[in-house]
Each structure stands twice: as structure tokens, then as C-alpha cells.
Amino acid sequence: MPQAPNSSRYLPEFAEQARKLCALGAIDKDLAAFFGVTVLTVKNWRKAHPTFAQAAKEGREPADENVVRSLYRRALGYSHEDTDIRVVDKEIIETDIVKHYPPDTTACIFWLKNRLPEAWRELSRREHTGAGGGPVKIEAISDLEQARRIAYVLSGAAENVDPDEPIHAPLDKPIH
């Protein structure tokens, strides 16, 4: 480790180390562990040291591009040449082959949801309307009336109340 654990002292050579680590797929949590600091310290270094921020970005870009390219290939399906190696009658036999990978539905969905979110995101819309599809009517009631209605429901007197109808506690009956 390049410095003592829990130290937030930045050294210029950290930029190149961050670039190399990010090229291998490191995220801020990994950088923090490597440098013996917190994730917040890594974020602070990025703000305070432009060379560190740029190096991490330059390291991440090729790694991200490789993942994008791999996801794209997996979504569409692909083929590649390979060599099959077998032992037959105590003799090694090498055979050139072509491996085929079919399109992957999960990769397709992931790609489409991220590249074309307006057309592919999962979205549930809920509209709330009042009776007969009209506007929702909001009834203003006093705190006392609200308390009476809650007490009415809690008392068990409202067991057979239609859930689509508003609750009106009888004013002439005391609630115990």
C-alpha cells in the first residue's frame, strides 16, 4: 500500500496508480481500499487534484468501452474461432472449430432499456379519478371530525362499511 492506512495525504504518483487500477475495472471503493482511505477521501482528491480525476477517467474509459462492446456482442450473438483439444488413444488431437453464441435476451433488454429508455423502460402509470371517472373530490374536515372517523373505524363499528364510500361516523352515537 502506498501510504499508511487512514491517511488522506495525497501524493502525485496516486494519479498514475488510479489510472491503472481503473483500467482494470476499479471503482472508488477499490481505490479507497488500495490507498488506505475512505471513499469520501477519493472523491475529495478527484475534486482537489484534476490530474487524479483525469487519470481515473482515462483509466475507466477503455474498461467501460470493452464492457459496452461485450454487451453489444452478447445481445446480438456472435461467433469466434477456437481450438478443441482432446486426448484420443493417448494422443493429443487439436481441431479448429467455430464457437457460436446465440443472442442473449437479457442483454438485449438491458441494452434497450438503457439506450432507448423512452421506448423500453418499465413504467406503470396510475391515474386516480373520482366517481364516474370525474375529478377526485377532496373534503376538508376538522381535526375533531377526523378523530371521530378514526375512532369509529377503530371501534369496529365500521366493519361492514363499503370501502368505496367515505366513512361518516354517526354524530348522535357516542364512541367509546
C-alpha atoms as a PDB file:
ATOM      1  CA  MET A   1       0.000   0.000   0.000  1.00  0.00           C
ATOM      2  CA  PRO A   2       1.493   3.381  -0.930  1.00  0.00           C
ATOM      3  CA  GLN A   3       0.719   5.117   2.365  1.00  0.00           C
ATOM      4  CA  ALA A   4      -0.293   4.488   5.943  1.00  0.00           C
ATOM      5  CA  PRO A   5      -3.918   3.372   6.418  1.00  0.00           C
ATOM      6  CA  ASN A   6      -6.448   6.129   7.173  1.00  0.00           C
ATOM      7  CA  SER A   7      -4.133   8.820   5.844  1.00  0.00           C
ATOM      8  CA  SER A   8      -5.716  11.324   3.487  1.00  0.00           C
ATOM      9  CA  ARG A   9      -2.398  12.781   2.318  1.00  0.00           C
ATOM     10  CA  TYR A  10      -2.413  12.862  -1.466  1.00  0.00           C
ATOM     11  CA  LEU A  11       0.760  12.117  -3.424  1.00  0.00           C
ATOM     12  CA  PRO A  12       1.157  12.952  -7.156  1.00  0.00           C
ATOM     13  CA  GLU A  13       2.010   9.339  -8.049  1.00  0.00           C
ATOM     14  CA  PHE A  14      -1.507   8.332  -6.996  1.00  0.00           C
ATOM     15  CA  ALA A  15      -2.842   9.644 -10.325  1.00  0.00           C
ATOM     16  CA  GLU A  16      -0.984   7.037 -12.397  1.00  0.00           C
ATOM     17  CA  GLN A  17      -1.838   4.282  -9.920  1.00  0.00           C
ATOM     18  CA  ALA A  18      -5.515   5.275 -10.109  1.00  0.00           C
ATOM     19  CA  ARG A  19      -5.398   5.231 -13.924  1.00  0.00           C
ATOM     20  CA  LYS A  20      -4.004   1.686 -13.951  1.00  0.00           C
ATOM     21  CA  LEU A  21      -6.448   0.446 -11.321  1.00  0.00           C
ATOM     22  CA  CYS A  22      -9.424   1.981 -13.131  1.00  0.00           C
ATOM     23  CA  ALA A  23      -8.287   0.379 -16.394  1.00  0.00           C
ATOM     24  CA  LEU A  24      -8.637  -2.942 -14.558  1.00  0.00           C
ATOM     25  CA  GLY A  25     -12.211  -2.052 -13.563  1.00  0.00           C
ATOM     26  CA  ALA A  26     -11.612  -0.481 -10.142  1.00  0.00           C
ATOM     27  CA  ILE A  27     -14.343   1.742  -8.705  1.00  0.00           C
ATOM     28  CA  ASP A  28     -13.988   4.383  -5.958  1.00  0.00           C
ATOM     29  CA  LYS A  29     -14.421   1.749  -3.238  1.00  0.00           C
ATOM     30  CA  ASP A  30     -11.496  -0.215  -4.713  1.00  0.00           C
ATOM     31  CA  LEU A  31      -9.336   2.905  -4.990  1.00  0.00           C
ATOM     32  CA  ALA A  32     -10.097   3.775  -1.368  1.00  0.00           C
ATOM     33  CA  ALA A  33      -9.079   0.294  -0.231  1.00  0.00           C
ATOM     34  CA  PHE A  34      -5.873   0.422  -2.282  1.00  0.00           C
ATOM     35  CA  PHE A  35      -4.838   3.844  -0.962  1.00  0.00           C
ATOM     36  CA  GLY A  36      -5.982   3.076   2.599  1.00  0.00           C
ATOM     37  CA  VAL A  37      -8.515   5.921   2.722  1.00  0.00           C
ATOM     38  CA  THR A  38     -12.271   6.353   2.652  1.00  0.00           C
ATOM     39  CA  VAL A  39     -14.385   6.646  -0.484  1.00  0.00           C
ATOM     40  CA  LEU A  40     -15.105  10.244   0.518  1.00  0.00           C
ATOM     41  CA  THR A  41     -11.360  10.967   0.508  1.00  0.00           C
ATOM     42  CA  VAL A  42     -11.065   9.567  -3.025  1.00  0.00           C
ATOM     43  CA  LYS A  43     -13.945  11.818  -4.111  1.00  0.00           C
ATOM     44  CA  ASN A  44     -12.271  14.790  -2.429  1.00  0.00           C
ATOM     45  CA  TRP A  45      -8.983  14.009  -4.215  1.00  0.00           C
ATOM     46  CA  ARG A  46     -10.863  13.959  -7.501  1.00  0.00           C
ATOM     47  CA  LYS A  47     -12.199  17.470  -6.796  1.00  0.00           C
ATOM     48  CA  ALA A  48      -8.935  18.871  -5.454  1.00  0.00           C
ATOM     49  CA  HIS A  49      -6.494  17.247  -7.908  1.00  0.00           C
ATOM     50  CA  PRO A  50      -7.535  17.496 -11.577  1.00  0.00           C
ATOM     51  CA  THR A  51      -4.704  15.186 -12.652  1.00  0.00           C
ATOM     52  CA  PHE A  52      -6.062  12.469 -10.351  1.00  0.00           C
ATOM     53  CA  ALA A  53      -9.596  12.949 -11.692  1.00  0.00           C
ATOM     54  CA  GLN A  54      -8.405  12.887 -15.309  1.00  0.00           C
ATOM     55  CA  ALA A  55      -6.236   9.808 -14.765  1.00  0.00           C
ATOM     56  CA  ALA A  56      -9.123   7.870 -13.191  1.00  0.00           C
ATOM     57  CA  LYS A  57     -11.395   8.922 -16.054  1.00  0.00           C
ATOM     58  CA  GLU A  58      -8.835   7.896 -18.687  1.00  0.00           C
ATOM     59  CA  GLY A  59      -8.426   4.525 -16.992  1.00  0.00           C
ATOM     60  CA  ARG A  60     -12.173   3.897 -16.818  1.00  0.00           C
ATOM     61  CA  GLU A  61     -12.975   4.801 -20.418  1.00  0.00           C
ATOM     62  CA  PRO A  62     -11.308   1.800 -22.132  1.00  0.00           C
ATOM     63  CA  ALA A  63     -12.670  -0.588 -19.495  1.00  0.00           C
ATOM     64  CA  ASP A  64     -16.191   0.800 -19.954  1.00  0.00           C
ATOM     65  CA  GLU A  65     -15.852   0.607 -23.752  1.00  0.00           C
ATOM     66  CA  ASN A  66     -14.848  -3.059 -23.507  1.00  0.00           C
ATOM     67  CA  VAL A  67     -17.905  -3.849 -21.417  1.00  0.00           C
ATOM     68  CA  VAL A  68     -20.173  -1.954 -23.809  1.00  0.00           C
ATOM     69  CA  ARG A  69     -18.680  -3.812 -26.774  1.00  0.00           C
ATOM     70  CA  SER A  70     -19.063  -7.167 -25.000  1.00  0.00           C
ATOM     71  CA  LEU A  71     -22.649  -6.449 -24.000  1.00  0.00           C
ATOM     72  CA  TYR A  72     -23.466  -5.432 -27.579  1.00  0.00           C
ATOM     73  CA  ARG A  73     -21.933  -8.626 -28.987  1.00  0.00           C
ATOM     74  CA  ARG A  74     -23.748 -10.730 -26.403  1.00  0.00           C
ATOM     75  CA  ALA A  75     -27.070  -9.042 -27.177  1.00  0.00           C
ATOM     76  CA  LEU A  76     -26.739  -9.789 -30.898  1.00  0.00           C
ATOM     77  CA  GLY A  77     -24.990 -13.132 -30.649  1.00  0.00           C
ATOM     78  CA  TYR A  78     -21.578 -13.832 -32.108  1.00  0.00           C
ATOM     79  CA  SER A  79     -19.152 -16.486 -33.275  1.00  0.00           C
ATOM     80  CA  HIS A  80     -15.408 -16.898 -32.886  1.00  0.00           C
ATOM     81  CA  GLU A  81     -12.722 -19.338 -33.913  1.00  0.00           C
ATOM     82  CA  ASP A  82     -11.321 -21.655 -31.278  1.00  0.00           C
ATOM     83  CA  THR A  83      -9.319 -24.850 -30.942  1.00  0.00           C
ATOM     84  CA  ASP A  84     -10.782 -28.014 -29.464  1.00  0.00           C
ATOM     85  CA  ILE A  85      -8.132 -30.050 -27.657  1.00  0.00           C
ATOM     86  CA  ARG A  86      -8.827 -33.700 -26.809  1.00  0.00           C
ATOM     87  CA  VAL A  87      -6.865 -36.765 -25.886  1.00  0.00           C
ATOM     88  CA  VAL A  88      -7.767 -39.719 -28.088  1.00  0.00           C
ATOM     89  CA  ASP A  89      -5.914 -43.026 -27.626  1.00  0.00           C
ATOM     90  CA  LYS A  90      -3.242 -41.247 -25.552  1.00  0.00           C
ATOM     91  CA  GLU A  91      -2.678 -38.756 -28.375  1.00  0.00           C
ATOM     92  CA  ILE A  92      -3.476 -35.028 -28.235  1.00  0.00           C
ATOM     93  CA  ILE A  93      -5.777 -34.004 -31.066  1.00  0.00           C
ATOM     94  CA  GLU A  94      -6.258 -30.313 -31.877  1.00  0.00           C
ATOM     95  CA  THR A  95      -9.199 -29.372 -34.081  1.00  0.00           C
ATOM     96  CA  ASP A  96     -10.015 -25.889 -35.326  1.00  0.00           C
ATOM     97  CA  ILE A  97     -13.664 -25.058 -34.619  1.00  0.00           C
ATOM     98  CA  VAL A  98     -16.031 -22.085 -34.660  1.00  0.00           C
ATOM     99  CA  LYS A  99     -17.994 -21.470 -31.461  1.00  0.00           C
ATOM    100  CA  HIS A 100     -21.402 -19.835 -31.807  1.00  0.00           C
ATOM    101  CA  TYR A 101     -23.153 -17.869 -29.075  1.00  0.00           C
ATOM    102  CA  PRO A 102     -26.844 -17.071 -29.707  1.00  0.00           C
ATOM    103  CA  PRO A 103     -28.326 -13.663 -28.912  1.00  0.00           C
ATOM    104  CA  ASP A 104     -28.997 -13.176 -25.214  1.00  0.00           C
ATOM    105  CA  THR A 105     -32.461 -11.807 -24.405  1.00  0.00           C
ATOM    106  CA  THR A 106     -31.372 -10.357 -21.059  1.00  0.00           C
ATOM    107  CA  ALA A 107     -28.511  -8.469 -22.690  1.00  0.00           C
ATOM    108  CA  CYS A 108     -30.922  -7.175 -25.364  1.00  0.00           C
ATOM    109  CA  ILE A 109     -33.372  -5.908 -22.749  1.00  0.00           C
ATOM    110  CA  PHE A 110     -30.614  -4.282 -20.710  1.00  0.00           C
ATOM    111  CA  TRP A 111     -29.216  -2.575 -23.802  1.00  0.00           C
ATOM    112  CA  LEU A 112     -32.610  -1.337 -24.962  1.00  0.00           C
ATOM    113  CA  LYS A 113     -33.692  -0.064 -21.547  1.00  0.00           C
ATOM    114  CA  ASN A 114     -30.501   1.963 -21.262  1.00  0.00           C
ATOM    115  CA  ARG A 115     -30.131   3.112 -24.870  1.00  0.00           C
ATOM    116  CA  LEU A 116     -33.824   3.711 -25.628  1.00  0.00           C
ATOM    117  CA  PRO A 117     -35.390   4.307 -22.206  1.00  0.00           C
ATOM    118  CA  GLU A 118     -38.456   6.152 -23.512  1.00  0.00           C
ATOM    119  CA  ALA A 119     -39.491   3.136 -25.575  1.00  0.00           C
ATOM    120  CA  TRP A 120     -38.252   0.291 -23.355  1.00  0.00           C
ATOM    121  CA  ARG A 121     -38.309   1.267 -19.695  1.00  0.00           C
ATOM    122  CA  GLU A 122     -40.717  -0.487 -17.408  1.00  0.00           C
ATOM    123  CA  LEU A 123     -43.263   2.071 -16.458  1.00  0.00           C
ATOM    124  CA  SER A 124     -46.522   1.729 -14.653  1.00  0.00           C
ATOM    125  CA  ARG A 125     -48.894   4.646 -14.834  1.00  0.00           C
ATOM    126  CA  ARG A 126     -51.695   5.072 -12.396  1.00  0.00           C
ATOM    127  CA  GLU A 127     -54.407   7.597 -12.755  1.00  0.00           C
ATOM    128  CA  HIS A 128     -56.634   8.457  -9.866  1.00  0.00           C
ATOM    129  CA  THR A 129     -60.123   9.646 -10.608  1.00  0.00           C
ATOM    130  CA  GLY A 130     -63.227  10.272  -8.626  1.00  0.00           C
ATOM    131  CA  ALA A 131     -66.683   8.776  -9.050  1.00  0.00           C
ATOM    132  CA  GLY A 132     -67.640   8.108 -12.655  1.00  0.00           C
ATOM    133  CA  GLY A 133     -64.154   8.992 -13.882  1.00  0.00           C
ATOM    134  CA  GLY A 134     -64.553  12.581 -12.749  1.00  0.00           C
ATOM    135  CA  PRO A 135     -62.152  14.602 -10.653  1.00  0.00           C
ATOM    136  CA  VAL A 136     -61.212  13.444  -7.194  1.00  0.00           C
ATOM    137  CA  LYS A 137     -63.227  15.342  -4.610  1.00  0.00           C
ATOM    138  CA  ILE A 138     -61.347  16.348  -1.528  1.00  0.00           C
ATOM    139  CA  GLU A 139     -63.427  17.010   1.531  1.00  0.00           C
ATOM    140  CA  ALA A 140     -61.961  19.327   4.126  1.00  0.00           C
ATOM    141  CA  ILE A 141     -62.786  18.162   7.630  1.00  0.00           C
ATOM    142  CA  SER A 142     -61.829  19.425  11.038  1.00  0.00           C
ATOM    143  CA  ASP A 143     -59.329  17.629  13.247  1.00  0.00           C
ATOM    144  CA  LEU A 144     -62.197  16.741  15.580  1.00  0.00           C
ATOM    145  CA  GLU A 145     -64.190  15.143  12.741  1.00  0.00           C
ATOM    146  CA  GLN A 146     -61.112  13.263  11.541  1.00  0.00           C
ATOM    147  CA  ALA A 147     -60.562  11.940  15.072  1.00  0.00           C
ATOM    148  CA  ARG A 148     -64.240  10.873  15.279  1.00  0.00           C
ATOM    149  CA  ARG A 149     -63.938   8.947  11.999  1.00  0.00           C
ATOM    150  CA  ILE A 150     -60.729   7.216  13.081  1.00  0.00           C
ATOM    151  CA  ALA A 151     -62.297   6.287  16.422  1.00  0.00           C
ATOM    152  CA  TYR A 152     -65.367   4.965  14.591  1.00  0.00           C
ATOM    153  CA  VAL A 153     -63.243   2.690  12.417  1.00  0.00           C
ATOM    154  CA  LEU A 154     -61.123   1.530  15.336  1.00  0.00           C
ATOM    155  CA  SER A 155     -64.156   0.774  17.450  1.00  0.00           C
ATOM    156  CA  GLY A 156     -65.170  -1.921  14.994  1.00  0.00           C
ATOM    157  CA  ALA A 157     -68.425  -0.208  14.151  1.00  0.00           C
ATOM    158  CA  ALA A 158     -67.285   0.257  10.552  1.00  0.00           C
ATOM    159  CA  GLU A 159     -66.698  -3.431   9.764  1.00  0.00           C
ATOM    160  CA  ASN A 160     -69.416  -3.605   7.145  1.00  0.00           C
ATOM    161  CA  VAL A 161     -68.645  -0.269   5.541  1.00  0.00           C
ATOM    162  CA  ASP A 162     -68.237  -0.208   1.759  1.00  0.00           C
ATOM    163  CA  PRO A 163     -64.521   0.649   1.115  1.00  0.00           C
ATOM    164  CA  ASP A 164     -65.536   2.818  -1.834  1.00  0.00           C
ATOM    165  CA  GLU A 165     -67.770   5.013   0.315  1.00  0.00           C
ATOM    166  CA  PRO A 166     -66.498   7.721   2.666  1.00  0.00           C
ATOM    167  CA  ILE A 167     -66.754   6.960   6.363  1.00  0.00           C
ATOM    168  CA  HIS A 168     -69.239   9.096   8.245  1.00  0.00           C
ATOM    169  CA  ALA A 169     -69.330   8.416  11.936  1.00  0.00           C
ATOM    170  CA  PRO A 170     -72.848   8.901  13.298  1.00  0.00           C
ATOM    171  CA  LEU A 171     -72.949  12.139  15.214  1.00  0.00           C
ATOM    172  CA  ASP A 172     -75.719  11.017  17.548  1.00  0.00           C
ATOM    173  CA  LYS A 173     -73.889   7.943  18.912  1.00  0.00           C
ATOM    174  CA  PRO A 174     -71.032   8.351  21.369  1.00  0.00           C
ATOM    175  CA  ILE A 175     -67.837   6.460  20.554  1.00  0.00           C
ATOM    176  CA  HIS A 176     -66.314   4.511  23.420  1.00  0.00           C
END
